Amino acid sequence: MDLKRSFLILAFAMVSVIALLYGIDPSWFARTLLGVTDLSVNFAHILRAVMCLYLALGAFWLFCALKDRHKNTAILTTIVFAGGLVVGRLLSFALDGLPSPLLVFYAALEFAIIPLAWWIYKQPE
C-alpha cells in the first residue's frame, strides 16, 4: 500500500474515533474525559455537529484513499483541517488558559500532523 493511501486511511480512522467519542454520547465524553458534569443541550448539539463534520471529512479522506484521482487534494485538506484546529486551540490557550490534558494532547497531535502531511503531499505518486 502506498504512503499517501496509508496516511489517508489512518487520518480517516483517527478522526472517526475522535468524532464518535464526541458525538455518540456527548454527556459521557464531557463527564469522563473533560470533567464537565453538567452538559447543556447547546453544547451537546455542538459536539454532535462537530462529530458529523469530522465524519464527513473522514469519509472524504477514505474515498480519496480508495480512488487515486484526489489523494493529493485530500492530503491538503488534512493540513487545512489540522491547521485550523491547532490555530483555534492556540488562540484558546492564550485567551482561556490550558484545558484538560486530552485537549492539549489533541493540539500536539494536530500540530505534528501538519508537517507530516506536507511531507507526504510532496512525495511522488
PDB file of N, CA and C in Angstrom:
ATOM      1  N   MET A   1       0.855  -1.176   0.000  1.00  0.00           N
ATOM      2  CA  MET A   1       0.000   0.000   0.000  1.00  0.00           C
ATOM      3  C   MET A   1       0.899   1.237   0.000  1.00  0.00           C
ATOM      4  N   ASP A   2       0.539   2.222  -0.804  1.00  0.00           N
ATOM      5  CA  ASP A   2       1.398   3.403  -0.900  1.00  0.00           C
ATOM      6  C   ASP A   2       1.223   4.334   0.300  1.00  0.00           C
ATOM      7  N   LEU A   3       2.200   5.216   0.475  1.00  0.00           N
ATOM      8  CA  LEU A   3       2.268   6.100   1.635  1.00  0.00           C
ATOM      9  C   LEU A   3       1.050   7.027   1.725  1.00  0.00           C
ATOM     10  N   LYS A   4       0.675   7.630   0.605  1.00  0.00           N
ATOM     11  CA  LYS A   4      -0.447   8.576   0.623  1.00  0.00           C
ATOM     12  C   LYS A   4      -1.755   7.883   0.987  1.00  0.00           C
ATOM     13  N   ARG A   5      -1.970   6.726   0.416  1.00  0.00           N
ATOM     14  CA  ARG A   5      -3.184   5.959   0.720  1.00  0.00           C
ATOM     15  C   ARG A   5      -3.202   5.576   2.205  1.00  0.00           C
ATOM     16  N   SER A   6      -2.075   5.097   2.714  1.00  0.00           N
ATOM     17  CA  SER A   6      -1.984   4.705   4.124  1.00  0.00           C
ATOM     18  C   SER A   6      -2.251   5.892   5.049  1.00  0.00           C
ATOM     19  N   PHE A   7      -1.666   7.041   4.722  1.00  0.00           N
ATOM     20  CA  PHE A   7      -1.876   8.239   5.539  1.00  0.00           C
ATOM     21  C   PHE A   7      -3.347   8.619   5.578  1.00  0.00           C
ATOM     22  N   LEU A   8      -4.011   8.599   4.426  1.00  0.00           N
ATOM     23  CA  LEU A   8      -5.421   8.981   4.377  1.00  0.00           C
ATOM     24  C   LEU A   8      -6.306   7.993   5.133  1.00  0.00           C
ATOM     25  N   ILE A   9      -5.990   6.721   5.044  1.00  0.00           N
ATOM     26  CA  ILE A   9      -6.763   5.725   5.796  1.00  0.00           C
ATOM     27  C   ILE A   9      -6.553   5.919   7.293  1.00  0.00           C
ATOM     28  N   LEU A  10      -5.322   6.195   7.706  1.00  0.00           N
ATOM     29  CA  LEU A  10      -5.052   6.463   9.117  1.00  0.00           C
ATOM     30  C   LEU A  10      -5.760   7.734   9.576  1.00  0.00           C
ATOM     31  N   ALA A  11      -5.735   8.776   8.748  1.00  0.00           N
ATOM     32  CA  ALA A  11      -6.434  10.026   9.092  1.00  0.00           C
ATOM     33  C   ALA A  11      -7.934   9.769   9.252  1.00  0.00           C
ATOM     34  N   PHE A  12      -8.496   8.980   8.339  1.00  0.00           N
ATOM     35  CA  PHE A  12      -9.913   8.614   8.444  1.00  0.00           C
ATOM     36  C   PHE A  12     -10.191   7.901   9.769  1.00  0.00           C
ATOM     37  N   ALA A  13      -9.359   6.913  10.103  1.00  0.00           N
ATOM     38  CA  ALA A  13      -9.580   6.137  11.323  1.00  0.00           C
ATOM     39  C   ALA A  13      -9.468   7.017  12.565  1.00  0.00           C
ATOM     40  N   MET A  14      -8.437   7.850  12.621  1.00  0.00           N
ATOM     41  CA  MET A  14      -8.230   8.690  13.804  1.00  0.00           C
ATOM     42  C   MET A  14      -9.363   9.689  13.987  1.00  0.00           C
ATOM     43  N   VAL A  15      -9.726  10.391  12.921  1.00  0.00           N
ATOM     44  CA  VAL A  15     -10.769  11.414  13.050  1.00  0.00           C
ATOM     45  C   VAL A  15     -12.129  10.769  13.319  1.00  0.00           C
ATOM     46  N   SER A  16     -12.350   9.575  12.813  1.00  0.00           N
ATOM     47  CA  SER A  16     -13.617   8.891  13.064  1.00  0.00           C
ATOM     48  C   SER A  16     -13.755   8.490  14.529  1.00  0.00           C
ATOM     49  N   VAL A  17     -12.692   7.967  15.108  1.00  0.00           N
ATOM     50  CA  VAL A  17     -12.731   7.591  16.529  1.00  0.00           C
ATOM     51  C   VAL A  17     -12.988   8.824  17.387  1.00  0.00           C
ATOM     52  N   ILE A  18     -12.258   9.904  17.109  1.00  0.00           N
ATOM     53  CA  ILE A  18     -12.445  11.138  17.882  1.00  0.00           C
ATOM     54  C   ILE A  18     -13.863  11.668  17.702  1.00  0.00           C
ATOM     55  N   ALA A  19     -14.358  11.661  16.479  1.00  0.00           N
ATOM     56  CA  ALA A  19     -15.719  12.143  16.211  1.00  0.00           C
ATOM     57  C   ALA A  19     -16.755  11.341  16.989  1.00  0.00           C
ATOM     58  N   LEU A  20     -16.622  10.030  16.953  1.00  0.00           N
ATOM     59  CA  LEU A  20     -17.595   9.190  17.643  1.00  0.00           C
ATOM     60  C   LEU A  20     -17.515   9.369  19.156  1.00  0.00           C
ATOM     61  N   LEU A  21     -16.313   9.590  19.668  1.00  0.00           N
ATOM     62  CA  LEU A  21     -16.192   9.893  21.103  1.00  0.00           C
ATOM     63  C   LEU A  21     -16.951  11.164  21.456  1.00  0.00           C
ATOM     64  N   TYR A  22     -16.839  12.187  20.609  1.00  0.00           N
ATOM     65  CA  TYR A  22     -17.533  13.456  20.855  1.00  0.00           C
ATOM     66  C   TYR A  22     -19.044  13.293  20.807  1.00  0.00           C
ATOM     67  N   GLY A  23     -19.519  12.586  19.803  1.00  0.00           N
ATOM     68  CA  GLY A  23     -20.925  12.719  19.459  1.00  0.00           C
ATOM     69  C   GLY A  23     -21.866  11.603  19.817  1.00  0.00           C
ATOM     70  N   ILE A  24     -21.380  10.397  20.032  1.00  0.00           N
ATOM     71  CA  ILE A  24     -22.315   9.314  20.354  1.00  0.00           C
ATOM     72  C   ILE A  24     -23.022   9.593  21.676  1.00  0.00           C
ATOM     73  N   ASP A  25     -22.238   9.981  22.664  1.00  0.00           N
ATOM     74  CA  ASP A  25     -22.803  10.335  23.970  1.00  0.00           C
ATOM     75  C   ASP A  25     -22.036  11.543  24.509  1.00  0.00           C
ATOM     76  N   PRO A  26     -22.411  12.740  24.073  1.00  0.00           N
ATOM     77  CA  PRO A  26     -21.669  13.936  24.479  1.00  0.00           C
ATOM     78  C   PRO A  26     -21.553  14.104  25.991  1.00  0.00           C
ATOM     79  N   SER A  27     -22.592  13.726  26.735  1.00  0.00           N
ATOM     80  CA  SER A  27     -22.535  13.856  28.195  1.00  0.00           C
ATOM     81  C   SER A  27     -21.459  12.956  28.778  1.00  0.00           C
ATOM     82  N   TRP A  28     -21.377  11.720  28.292  1.00  0.00           N
ATOM     83  CA  TRP A  28     -20.333  10.804  28.759  1.00  0.00           C
ATOM     84  C   TRP A  28     -18.950  11.363  28.426  1.00  0.00           C
ATOM     85  N   PHE A  29     -18.764  11.822  27.182  1.00  0.00           N
ATOM     86  CA  PHE A  29     -17.474  12.370  26.770  1.00  0.00           C
ATOM     87  C   PHE A  29     -17.077  13.539  27.670  1.00  0.00           C
ATOM     88  N   ALA A  30     -17.997  14.466  27.873  1.00  0.00           N
ATOM     89  CA  ALA A  30     -17.696  15.655  28.676  1.00  0.00           C
ATOM     90  C   ALA A  30     -17.400  15.284  30.130  1.00  0.00           C
ATOM     91  N   ARG A  31     -18.178  14.380  30.669  1.00  0.00           N
ATOM     92  CA  ARG A  31     -18.001  13.985  32.070  1.00  0.00           C
ATOM     93  C   ARG A  31     -16.716  13.173  32.261  1.00  0.00           C
ATOM     94  N   THR A  32     -16.500  12.187  31.392  1.00  0.00           N
ATOM     95  CA  THR A  32     -15.402  11.240  31.572  1.00  0.00           C
ATOM     96  C   THR A  32     -14.052  11.814  31.162  1.00  0.00           C
ATOM     97  N   LEU A  33     -14.002  12.512  30.053  1.00  0.00           N
ATOM     98  CA  LEU A  33     -12.712  12.944  29.516  1.00  0.00           C
ATOM     99  C   LEU A  33     -12.395  14.420  29.745  1.00  0.00           C
ATOM    100  N   LEU A  34     -13.412  15.218  30.057  1.00  0.00           N
ATOM    101  CA  LEU A  34     -13.171  16.642  30.259  1.00  0.00           C
ATOM    102  C   LEU A  34     -13.507  17.115  31.662  1.00  0.00           C
ATOM    103  N   GLY A  35     -14.153  16.268  32.457  1.00  0.00           N
ATOM    104  CA  GLY A  35     -14.518  16.648  33.816  1.00  0.00           C
ATOM    105  C   GLY A  35     -15.691  17.604  33.897  1.00  0.00           C
ATOM    106  N   VAL A  36     -16.491  17.691  32.842  1.00  0.00           N
ATOM    107  CA  VAL A  36     -17.681  18.550  32.818  1.00  0.00           C
ATOM    108  C   VAL A  36     -18.877  17.698  33.227  1.00  0.00           C
ATOM    109  N   THR A  37     -19.476  18.024  34.345  1.00  0.00           N
ATOM    110  CA  THR A  37     -20.541  17.177  34.877  1.00  0.00           C
ATOM    111  C   THR A  37     -21.933  17.547  34.372  1.00  0.00           C
ATOM    112  N   ASP A  38     -22.134  18.784  33.967  1.00  0.00           N
ATOM    113  CA  ASP A  38     -23.459  19.218  33.523  1.00  0.00           C
ATOM    114  C   ASP A  38     -23.342  19.808  32.119  1.00  0.00           C
ATOM    115  N   LEU A  39     -23.643  19.010  31.110  1.00  0.00           N
ATOM    116  CA  LEU A  39     -23.524  19.444  29.719  1.00  0.00           C
ATOM    117  C   LEU A  39     -24.888  19.918  29.227  1.00  0.00           C
ATOM    118  N   SER A  40     -24.959  21.160  28.781  1.00  0.00           N
ATOM    119  CA  SER A  40     -26.233  21.703  28.300  1.00  0.00           C
ATOM    120  C   SER A  40     -26.582  21.122  26.937  1.00  0.00           C
ATOM    121  N   VAL A  41     -27.839  21.264  26.574  1.00  0.00           N
ATOM    122  CA  VAL A  41     -28.309  20.814  25.261  1.00  0.00           C
ATOM    123  C   VAL A  41     -27.538  21.528  24.154  1.00  0.00           C
ATOM    124  N   ASN A  42     -27.215  22.795  24.346  1.00  0.00           N
ATOM    125  CA  ASN A  42     -26.490  23.551  23.328  1.00  0.00           C
ATOM    126  C   ASN A  42     -25.095  22.977  23.073  1.00  0.00           C
ATOM    127  N   PHE A  43     -24.382  22.612  24.136  1.00  0.00           N
ATOM    128  CA  PHE A  43     -23.052  22.035  23.953  1.00  0.00           C
ATOM    129  C   PHE A  43     -23.122  20.622  23.394  1.00  0.00           C
ATOM    130  N   ALA A  44     -24.124  19.860  23.777  1.00  0.00           N
ATOM    131  CA  ALA A  44     -24.326  18.532  23.188  1.00  0.00           C
ATOM    132  C   ALA A  44     -24.589  18.670  21.690  1.00  0.00           C
ATOM    133  N   HIS A  45     -25.380  19.663  21.332  1.00  0.00           N
ATOM    134  CA  HIS A  45     -25.672  19.939  19.927  1.00  0.00           C
ATOM    135  C   HIS A  45     -24.383  20.248  19.154  1.00  0.00           C
ATOM    136  N   ILE A  46     -23.544  21.094  19.728  1.00  0.00           N
ATOM    137  CA  ILE A  46     -22.285  21.457  19.084  1.00  0.00           C
ATOM    138  C   ILE A  46     -21.394  20.226  18.921  1.00  0.00           C
ATOM    139  N   LEU A  47     -21.291  19.393  19.955  1.00  0.00           N
ATOM    140  CA  LEU A  47     -20.454  18.200  19.860  1.00  0.00           C
ATOM    141  C   LEU A  47     -20.966  17.238  18.799  1.00  0.00           C
ATOM    142  N   ARG A  48     -22.274  17.099  18.680  1.00  0.00           N
ATOM    143  CA  ARG A  48     -22.815  16.206  17.639  1.00  0.00           C
ATOM    144  C   ARG A  48     -22.605  16.789  16.242  1.00  0.00           C
ATOM    145  N   ALA A  49     -22.707  18.096  16.117  1.00  0.00           N
ATOM    146  CA  ALA A  49     -22.433  18.726  14.822  1.00  0.00           C
ATOM    147  C   ALA A  49     -20.959  18.558  14.445  1.00  0.00           C
ATOM    148  N   VAL A  50     -20.065  18.731  15.414  1.00  0.00           N
ATOM    149  CA  VAL A  50     -18.635  18.530  15.174  1.00  0.00           C
ATOM    150  C   VAL A  50     -18.375  17.073  14.793  1.00  0.00           C
ATOM    151  N   MET A  51     -19.057  16.146  15.463  1.00  0.00           N
ATOM    152  CA  MET A  51     -18.921  14.738  15.112  1.00  0.00           C
ATOM    153  C   MET A  51     -19.213  14.521  13.633  1.00  0.00           C
ATOM    154  N   CYS A  52     -20.303  15.070  13.165  1.00  0.00           N
ATOM    155  CA  CYS A  52     -20.692  14.853  11.769  1.00  0.00           C
ATOM    156  C   CYS A  52     -19.755  15.568  10.791  1.00  0.00           C
ATOM    157  N   LEU A  53     -19.255  16.731  11.167  1.00  0.00           N
ATOM    158  CA  LEU A  53     -18.257  17.415  10.344  1.00  0.00           C
ATOM    159  C   LEU A  53     -17.005  16.555  10.218  1.00  0.00           C
ATOM    160  N   TYR A  54     -16.518  16.035  11.339  1.00  0.00           N
ATOM    161  CA  TYR A  54     -15.335  15.170  11.329  1.00  0.00           C
ATOM    162  C   TYR A  54     -15.598  13.905  10.505  1.00  0.00           C
ATOM    163  N   LEU A  55     -16.760  13.294  10.679  1.00  0.00           N
ATOM    164  CA  LEU A  55     -17.075  12.075   9.923  1.00  0.00           C
ATOM    165  C   LEU A  55     -17.170  12.354   8.427  1.00  0.00           C
ATOM    166  N   ALA A  56     -17.699  13.518   8.062  1.00  0.00           N
ATOM    167  CA  ALA A  56     -17.783  13.867   6.645  1.00  0.00           C
ATOM    168  C   ALA A  56     -16.387  14.024   6.041  1.00  0.00           C
ATOM    169  N   LEU A  57     -15.505  14.722   6.745  1.00  0.00           N
ATOM    170  CA  LEU A  57     -14.132  14.859   6.246  1.00  0.00           C
ATOM    171  C   LEU A  57     -13.431  13.507   6.221  1.00  0.00           C
ATOM    172  N   GLY A  58     -13.625  12.702   7.251  1.00  0.00           N
ATOM    173  CA  GLY A  58     -13.031  11.372   7.271  1.00  0.00           C
ATOM    174  C   GLY A  58     -13.515  10.517   6.111  1.00  0.00           C
ATOM    175  N   ALA A  59     -14.787  10.590   5.801  1.00  0.00           N
ATOM    176  CA  ALA A  59     -15.329   9.840   4.665  1.00  0.00           C
ATOM    177  C   ALA A  59     -14.705  10.311   3.355  1.00  0.00           C
ATOM    178  N   PHE A  60     -14.508  11.616   3.225  1.00  0.00           N
ATOM    179  CA  PHE A  60     -13.840  12.165   2.043  1.00  0.00           C
ATOM    180  C   PHE A  60     -12.419  11.616   1.936  1.00  0.00           C
ATOM    181  N   TRP A  61     -11.704  11.593   3.059  1.00  0.00           N
ATOM    182  CA  TRP A  61     -10.331  11.079   3.034  1.00  0.00           C
ATOM    183  C   TRP A  61     -10.300   9.601   2.682  1.00  0.00           C
ATOM    184  N   LEU A  62     -11.227   8.833   3.207  1.00  0.00           N
ATOM    185  CA  LEU A  62     -11.282   7.411   2.873  1.00  0.00           C
ATOM    186  C   LEU A  62     -11.617   7.222   1.402  1.00  0.00           C
ATOM    187  N   PHE A  63     -12.593   7.959   0.900  1.00  0.00           N
ATOM    188  CA  PHE A  63     -12.946   7.885  -0.519  1.00  0.00           C
ATOM    189  C   PHE A  63     -11.730   8.179  -1.392  1.00  0.00           C
ATOM    190  N   CYS A  64     -10.997   9.243  -1.037  1.00  0.00           N
ATOM    191  CA  CYS A  64      -9.820   9.625  -1.826  1.00  0.00           C
ATOM    192  C   CYS A  64      -8.695   8.614  -1.697  1.00  0.00           C
ATOM    193  N   ALA A  65      -8.601   7.945  -0.562  1.00  0.00           N
ATOM    194  CA  ALA A  65      -7.587   6.900  -0.400  1.00  0.00           C
ATOM    195  C   ALA A  65      -7.872   5.719  -1.317  1.00  0.00           C
ATOM    196  N   LEU A  66      -9.156   5.459  -1.529  1.00  0.00           N
ATOM    197  CA  LEU A  66      -9.544   4.318  -2.350  1.00  0.00           C
ATOM    198  C   LEU A  66      -9.590   4.644  -3.836  1.00  0.00           C
ATOM    199  N   LYS A  67      -9.659   5.915  -4.166  1.00  0.00           N
ATOM    200  CA  LYS A  67      -9.645   6.388  -5.552  1.00  0.00           C
ATOM    201  C   LYS A  67      -8.384   7.222  -5.746  1.00  0.00           C
ATOM    202  N   ASP A  68      -7.617   6.954  -6.742  1.00  0.00           N
ATOM    203  CA  ASP A  68      -6.331   7.625  -6.913  1.00  0.00           C
ATOM    204  C   ASP A  68      -6.426   9.084  -7.358  1.00  0.00           C
ATOM    205  N   ARG A  69      -7.546   9.501  -7.891  1.00  0.00           N
ATOM    206  CA  ARG A  69      -7.625  10.832  -8.511  1.00  0.00           C
ATOM    207  C   ARG A  69      -7.401  11.996  -7.559  1.00  0.00           C
ATOM    208  N   HIS A  70      -7.854  11.910  -6.340  1.00  0.00           N
ATOM    209  CA  HIS A  70      -7.867  13.081  -5.458  1.00  0.00           C
ATOM    210  C   HIS A  70      -7.048  12.920  -4.183  1.00  0.00           C
ATOM    211  N   LYS A  71      -6.081  12.022  -4.185  1.00  0.00           N
ATOM    212  CA  LYS A  71      -5.303  11.794  -2.960  1.00  0.00           C
ATOM    213  C   LYS A  71      -4.583  13.060  -2.505  1.00  0.00           C
ATOM    214  N   ASN A  72      -3.961  13.786  -3.416  1.00  0.00           N
ATOM    215  CA  ASN A  72      -3.230  14.997  -3.013  1.00  0.00           C
ATOM    216  C   ASN A  72      -4.176  16.066  -2.466  1.00  0.00           C
ATOM    217  N   THR A  73      -5.328  16.217  -3.071  1.00  0.00           N
ATOM    218  CA  THR A  73      -6.310  17.175  -2.565  1.00  0.00           C
ATOM    219  C   THR A  73      -6.736  16.796  -1.149  1.00  0.00           C
ATOM    220  N   ALA A  74      -6.974  15.518  -0.936  1.00  0.00           N
ATOM    221  CA  ALA A  74      -7.373  15.059   0.390  1.00  0.00           C
ATOM    222  C   ALA A  74      -6.267  15.311   1.415  1.00  0.00           C
ATOM    223  N   ILE A  75      -5.029  15.087   1.025  1.00  0.00           N
ATOM    224  CA  ILE A  75      -3.920  15.335   1.956  1.00  0.00           C
ATOM    225  C   ILE A  75      -3.850  16.825   2.296  1.00  0.00           C
ATOM    226  N   LEU A  76      -4.054  17.682   1.310  1.00  0.00           N
ATOM    227  CA  LEU A  76      -4.071  19.123   1.600  1.00  0.00           C
ATOM    228  C   LEU A  76      -5.199  19.474   2.563  1.00  0.00           C
ATOM    229  N   THR A  77      -6.334  18.810   2.452  1.00  0.00           N
ATOM    230  CA  THR A  77      -7.429  19.114   3.388  1.00  0.00           C
ATOM    231  C   THR A  77      -7.098  18.651   4.805  1.00  0.00           C
ATOM    232  N   THR A  78      -6.261  17.616   4.952  1.00  0.00           N
ATOM    233  CA  THR A  78      -5.846  17.238   6.308  1.00  0.00           C
ATOM    234  C   THR A  78      -4.983  18.336   6.921  1.00  0.00           C
ATOM    235  N   ILE A  79      -4.195  19.009   6.081  1.00  0.00           N
ATOM    236  CA  ILE A  79      -3.372  20.122   6.563  1.00  0.00           C
ATOM    237  C   ILE A  79      -4.262  21.291   6.975  1.00  0.00           C
ATOM    238  N   VAL A  80      -5.241  21.615   6.158  1.00  0.00           N
ATOM    239  CA  VAL A  80      -6.167  22.710   6.475  1.00  0.00           C
ATOM    240  C   VAL A  80      -6.968  22.371   7.736  1.00  0.00           C
ATOM    241  N   PHE A  81      -7.440  21.142   7.826  1.00  0.00           N
ATOM    242  CA  PHE A  81      -8.215  20.692   8.980  1.00  0.00           C
ATOM    243  C   PHE A  81      -7.390  20.794  10.262  1.00  0.00           C
ATOM    244  N   ALA A  82      -6.221  20.166  10.268  1.00  0.00           N
ATOM    245  CA  ALA A  82      -5.375  20.189  11.463  1.00  0.00           C
ATOM    246  C   ALA A  82      -4.885  21.606  11.760  1.00  0.00           C
ATOM    247  N   GLY A  83      -4.547  22.360  10.718  1.00  0.00           N
ATOM    248  CA  GLY A  83      -4.075  23.731  10.914  1.00  0.00           C
ATOM    249  C   GLY A  83      -5.144  24.619  11.521  1.00  0.00           C
ATOM    250  N   GLY A  84      -6.361  24.502  11.031  1.00  0.00           N
ATOM    251  CA  GLY A  84      -7.455  25.289  11.595  1.00  0.00           C
ATOM    252  C   GLY A  84      -7.711  24.943  13.047  1.00  0.00           C
ATOM    253  N   LEU A  85      -7.689  23.649  13.356  1.00  0.00           N
ATOM    254  CA  LEU A  85      -7.898  23.235  14.743  1.00  0.00           C
ATOM    255  C   LEU A  85      -6.777  23.728  15.653  1.00  0.00           C
ATOM    256  N   VAL A  86      -5.538  23.605  15.216  1.00  0.00           N
ATOM    257  CA  VAL A  86      -4.426  23.992  16.082  1.00  0.00           C
ATOM    258  C   VAL A  86      -4.386  25.504  16.284  1.00  0.00           C
ATOM    259  N   VAL A  87      -4.720  26.282  15.277  1.00  0.00           N
ATOM    260  CA  VAL A  87      -4.770  27.739  15.453  1.00  0.00           C
ATOM    261  C   VAL A  87      -5.861  28.099  16.469  1.00  0.00           C
ATOM    262  N   GLY A  88      -7.016  27.470  16.348  1.00  0.00           N
ATOM    263  CA  GLY A  88      -8.083  27.719  17.316  1.00  0.00           C
ATOM    264  C   GLY A  88      -7.695  27.309  18.725  1.00  0.00           C
ATOM    265  N   ARG A  89      -7.005  26.194  18.837  1.00  0.00           N
ATOM    266  CA  ARG A  89      -6.575  25.745  20.166  1.00  0.00           C
ATOM    267  C   ARG A  89      -5.527  26.686  20.753  1.00  0.00           C
ATOM    268  N   LEU A  90      -4.565  27.128  19.935  1.00  0.00           N
ATOM    269  CA  LEU A  90      -3.549  28.066  20.424  1.00  0.00           C
ATOM    270  C   LEU A  90      -4.187  29.384  20.852  1.00  0.00           C
ATOM    271  N   LEU A  91      -5.166  29.843  20.092  1.00  0.00           N
ATOM    272  CA  LEU A  91      -5.897  31.048  20.467  1.00  0.00           C
ATOM    273  C   LEU A  91      -6.579  30.858  21.820  1.00  0.00           C
ATOM    274  N   SER A  92      -7.205  29.691  22.000  1.00  0.00           N
ATOM    275  CA  SER A  92      -7.861  29.404  23.269  1.00  0.00           C
ATOM    276  C   SER A  92      -6.850  29.290  24.407  1.00  0.00           C
ATOM    277  N   PHE A  93      -5.698  28.674  24.147  1.00  0.00           N
ATOM    278  CA  PHE A  93      -4.661  28.595  25.190  1.00  0.00           C
ATOM    279  C   PHE A  93      -4.287  29.998  25.652  1.00  0.00           C
ATOM    280  N   ALA A  94      -4.123  30.921  24.691  1.00  0.00           N
ATOM    281  CA  ALA A  94      -3.708  32.288  25.026  1.00  0.00           C
ATOM    282  C   ALA A  94      -4.806  33.057  25.752  1.00  0.00           C
ATOM    283  N   LEU A  95      -6.048  32.875  25.310  1.00  0.00           N
ATOM    284  CA  LEU A  95      -7.149  33.657  25.873  1.00  0.00           C
ATOM    285  C   LEU A  95      -7.803  33.015  27.096  1.00  0.00           C
ATOM    286  N   ASP A  96      -7.841  31.681  27.125  1.00  0.00           N
ATOM    287  CA  ASP A  96      -8.608  30.979  28.149  1.00  0.00           C
ATOM    288  C   ASP A  96      -7.748  30.200  29.139  1.00  0.00           C
ATOM    289  N   GLY A  97      -6.489  29.950  28.806  1.00  0.00           N
ATOM    290  CA  GLY A  97      -5.640  29.101  29.637  1.00  0.00           C
ATOM    291  C   GLY A  97      -5.654  27.670  29.120  1.00  0.00           C
ATOM    292  N   LEU A  98      -4.941  26.814  29.827  1.00  0.00           N
ATOM    293  CA  LEU A  98      -4.827  25.418  29.392  1.00  0.00           C
ATOM    294  C   LEU A  98      -6.089  24.631  29.731  1.00  0.00           C
ATOM    295  N   PRO A  99      -6.573  23.841  28.772  1.00  0.00           N
ATOM    296  CA  PRO A  99      -7.731  22.975  29.023  1.00  0.00           C
ATOM    297  C   PRO A  99      -7.267  21.636  29.602  1.00  0.00           C
ATOM    298  N   SER A 100      -8.125  20.648  29.529  1.00  0.00           N
ATOM    299  CA  SER A 100      -7.794  19.315  30.039  1.00  0.00           C
ATOM    300  C   SER A 100      -6.607  18.733  29.266  1.00  0.00           C
ATOM    301  N   PRO A 101      -5.885  17.797  29.876  1.00  0.00           N
ATOM    302  CA  PRO A 101      -4.738  17.182  29.203  1.00  0.00           C
ATOM    303  C   PRO A 101      -5.099  16.544  27.856  1.00  0.00           C
ATOM    304  N   LEU A 102      -6.294  15.984  27.730  1.00  0.00           N
ATOM    305  CA  LEU A 102      -6.710  15.383  26.467  1.00  0.00           C
ATOM    306  C   LEU A 102      -6.703  16.423  25.344  1.00  0.00           C
ATOM    307  N   LEU A 103      -7.210  17.601  25.623  1.00  0.00           N
ATOM    308  CA  LEU A 103      -7.271  18.641  24.594  1.00  0.00           C
ATOM    309  C   LEU A 103      -5.896  19.203  24.271  1.00  0.00           C
ATOM    310  N   VAL A 104      -5.000  19.237  25.247  1.00  0.00           N
ATOM    311  CA  VAL A 104      -3.613  19.631  24.979  1.00  0.00           C
ATOM    312  C   VAL A 104      -2.953  18.573  24.090  1.00  0.00           C
ATOM    313  N   PHE A 105      -3.231  17.300  24.369  1.00  0.00           N
ATOM    314  CA  PHE A 105      -2.723  16.210  23.525  1.00  0.00           C
ATOM    315  C   PHE A 105      -3.242  16.352  22.095  1.00  0.00           C
ATOM    316  N   TYR A 106      -4.525  16.643  21.939  1.00  0.00           N
ATOM    317  CA  TYR A 106      -5.084  16.848  20.598  1.00  0.00           C
ATOM    318  C   TYR A 106      -4.327  17.960  19.866  1.00  0.00           C
ATOM    319  N   ALA A 107      -4.035  19.052  20.557  1.00  0.00           N
ATOM    320  CA  ALA A 107      -3.314  20.167  19.936  1.00  0.00           C
ATOM    321  C   ALA A 107      -1.930  19.722  19.471  1.00  0.00           C
ATOM    322  N   ALA A 108      -1.228  18.960  20.299  1.00  0.00           N
ATOM    323  CA  ALA A 108       0.099  18.471  19.921  1.00  0.00           C
ATOM    324  C   ALA A 108       0.014  17.547  18.705  1.00  0.00           C
ATOM    325  N   LEU A 109      -0.974  16.684  18.700  1.00  0.00           N
ATOM    326  CA  LEU A 109      -1.178  15.771  17.580  1.00  0.00           C
ATOM    327  C   LEU A 109      -1.490  16.544  16.303  1.00  0.00           C
ATOM    328  N   GLU A 110      -2.378  17.508  16.394  1.00  0.00           N
ATOM    329  CA  GLU A 110      -2.740  18.314  15.211  1.00  0.00           C
ATOM    330  C   GLU A 110      -1.533  19.097  14.703  1.00  0.00           C
ATOM    331  N   PHE A 111      -0.743  19.637  15.617  1.00  0.00           N
ATOM    332  CA  PHE A 111       0.453  20.378  15.227  1.00  0.00           C
ATOM    333  C   PHE A 111       1.442  19.465  14.506  1.00  0.00           C
ATOM    334  N   ALA A 112       1.602  18.237  14.991  1.00  0.00           N
ATOM    335  CA  ALA A 112       2.530  17.284  14.376  1.00  0.00           C
ATOM    336  C   ALA A 112       2.048  16.816  13.007  1.00  0.00           C
ATOM    337  N   ILE A 113       0.754  16.771  12.810  1.00  0.00           N
ATOM    338  CA  ILE A 113       0.206  16.289  11.543  1.00  0.00           C
ATOM    339  C   ILE A 113       0.544  17.231  10.387  1.00  0.00           C
ATOM    340  N   ILE A 114       0.625  18.513  10.654  1.00  0.00           N
ATOM    341  CA  ILE A 114       0.816  19.495   9.583  1.00  0.00           C
ATOM    342  C   ILE A 114       2.101  19.243   8.787  1.00  0.00           C
ATOM    343  N   PRO A 115       3.286  19.217   9.413  1.00  0.00           N
ATOM    344  CA  PRO A 115       4.490  18.969   8.603  1.00  0.00           C
ATOM    345  C   PRO A 115       4.541  17.548   8.035  1.00  0.00           C
ATOM    346  N   LEU A 116       3.999  16.578   8.782  1.00  0.00           N
ATOM    347  CA  LEU A 116       3.963  15.212   8.264  1.00  0.00           C
ATOM    348  C   LEU A 116       3.119  15.138   7.006  1.00  0.00           C
ATOM    349  N   ALA A 117       1.932  15.724   7.040  1.00  0.00           N
ATOM    350  CA  ALA A 117       1.046  15.710   5.876  1.00  0.00           C
ATOM    351  C   ALA A 117       1.676  16.456   4.708  1.00  0.00           C
ATOM    352  N   TRP A 118       2.342  17.553   4.985  1.00  0.00           N
ATOM    353  CA  TRP A 118       3.005  18.306   3.910  1.00  0.00           C
ATOM    354  C   TRP A 118       4.101  17.460   3.267  1.00  0.00           C
ATOM    355  N   TRP A 119       4.878  16.771   4.091  1.00  0.00           N
ATOM    356  CA  TRP A 119       5.930  15.905   3.565  1.00  0.00           C
ATOM    357  C   TRP A 119       5.326  14.796   2.697  1.00  0.00           C
ATOM    358  N   ILE A 120       4.249  14.187   3.168  1.00  0.00           N
ATOM    359  CA  ILE A 120       3.586  13.129   2.395  1.00  0.00           C
ATOM    360  C   ILE A 120       3.036  13.700   1.100  1.00  0.00           C
ATOM    361  N   TYR A 121       2.451  14.874   1.147  1.00  0.00           N
ATOM    362  CA  TYR A 121       1.920  15.525  -0.046  1.00  0.00           C
ATOM    363  C   TYR A 121       3.013  15.706  -1.103  1.00  0.00           C
ATOM    364  N   LYS A 122       4.217  16.077  -0.672  1.00  0.00           N
ATOM    365  CA  LYS A 122       5.306  16.359  -1.604  1.00  0.00           C
ATOM    366  C   LYS A 122       5.934  15.098  -2.205  1.00  0.00           C
ATOM    367  N   GLN A 123       5.613  13.934  -1.672  1.00  0.00           N
ATOM    368  CA  GLN A 123       6.162  12.686  -2.198  1.00  0.00           C
ATOM    369  C   GLN A 123       5.554  12.361  -3.553  1.00  0.00           C
ATOM    370  N   PRO A 124       6.343  11.741  -4.436  1.00  0.00           N
ATOM    371  CA  PRO A 124       5.785  11.358  -5.745  1.00  0.00           C
ATOM    372  C   PRO A 124       4.709  10.275  -5.588  1.00  0.00           C
ATOM    373  N   GLU A 125       3.869  10.205  -6.572  1.00  0.00           N
ATOM    374  CA  GLU A 125       2.776   9.211  -6.551  1.00  0.00           C
ATOM    375  C   GLU A 125       3.304   7.813  -6.567  1.00  0.00           C
TER     376      GLU A 125
END
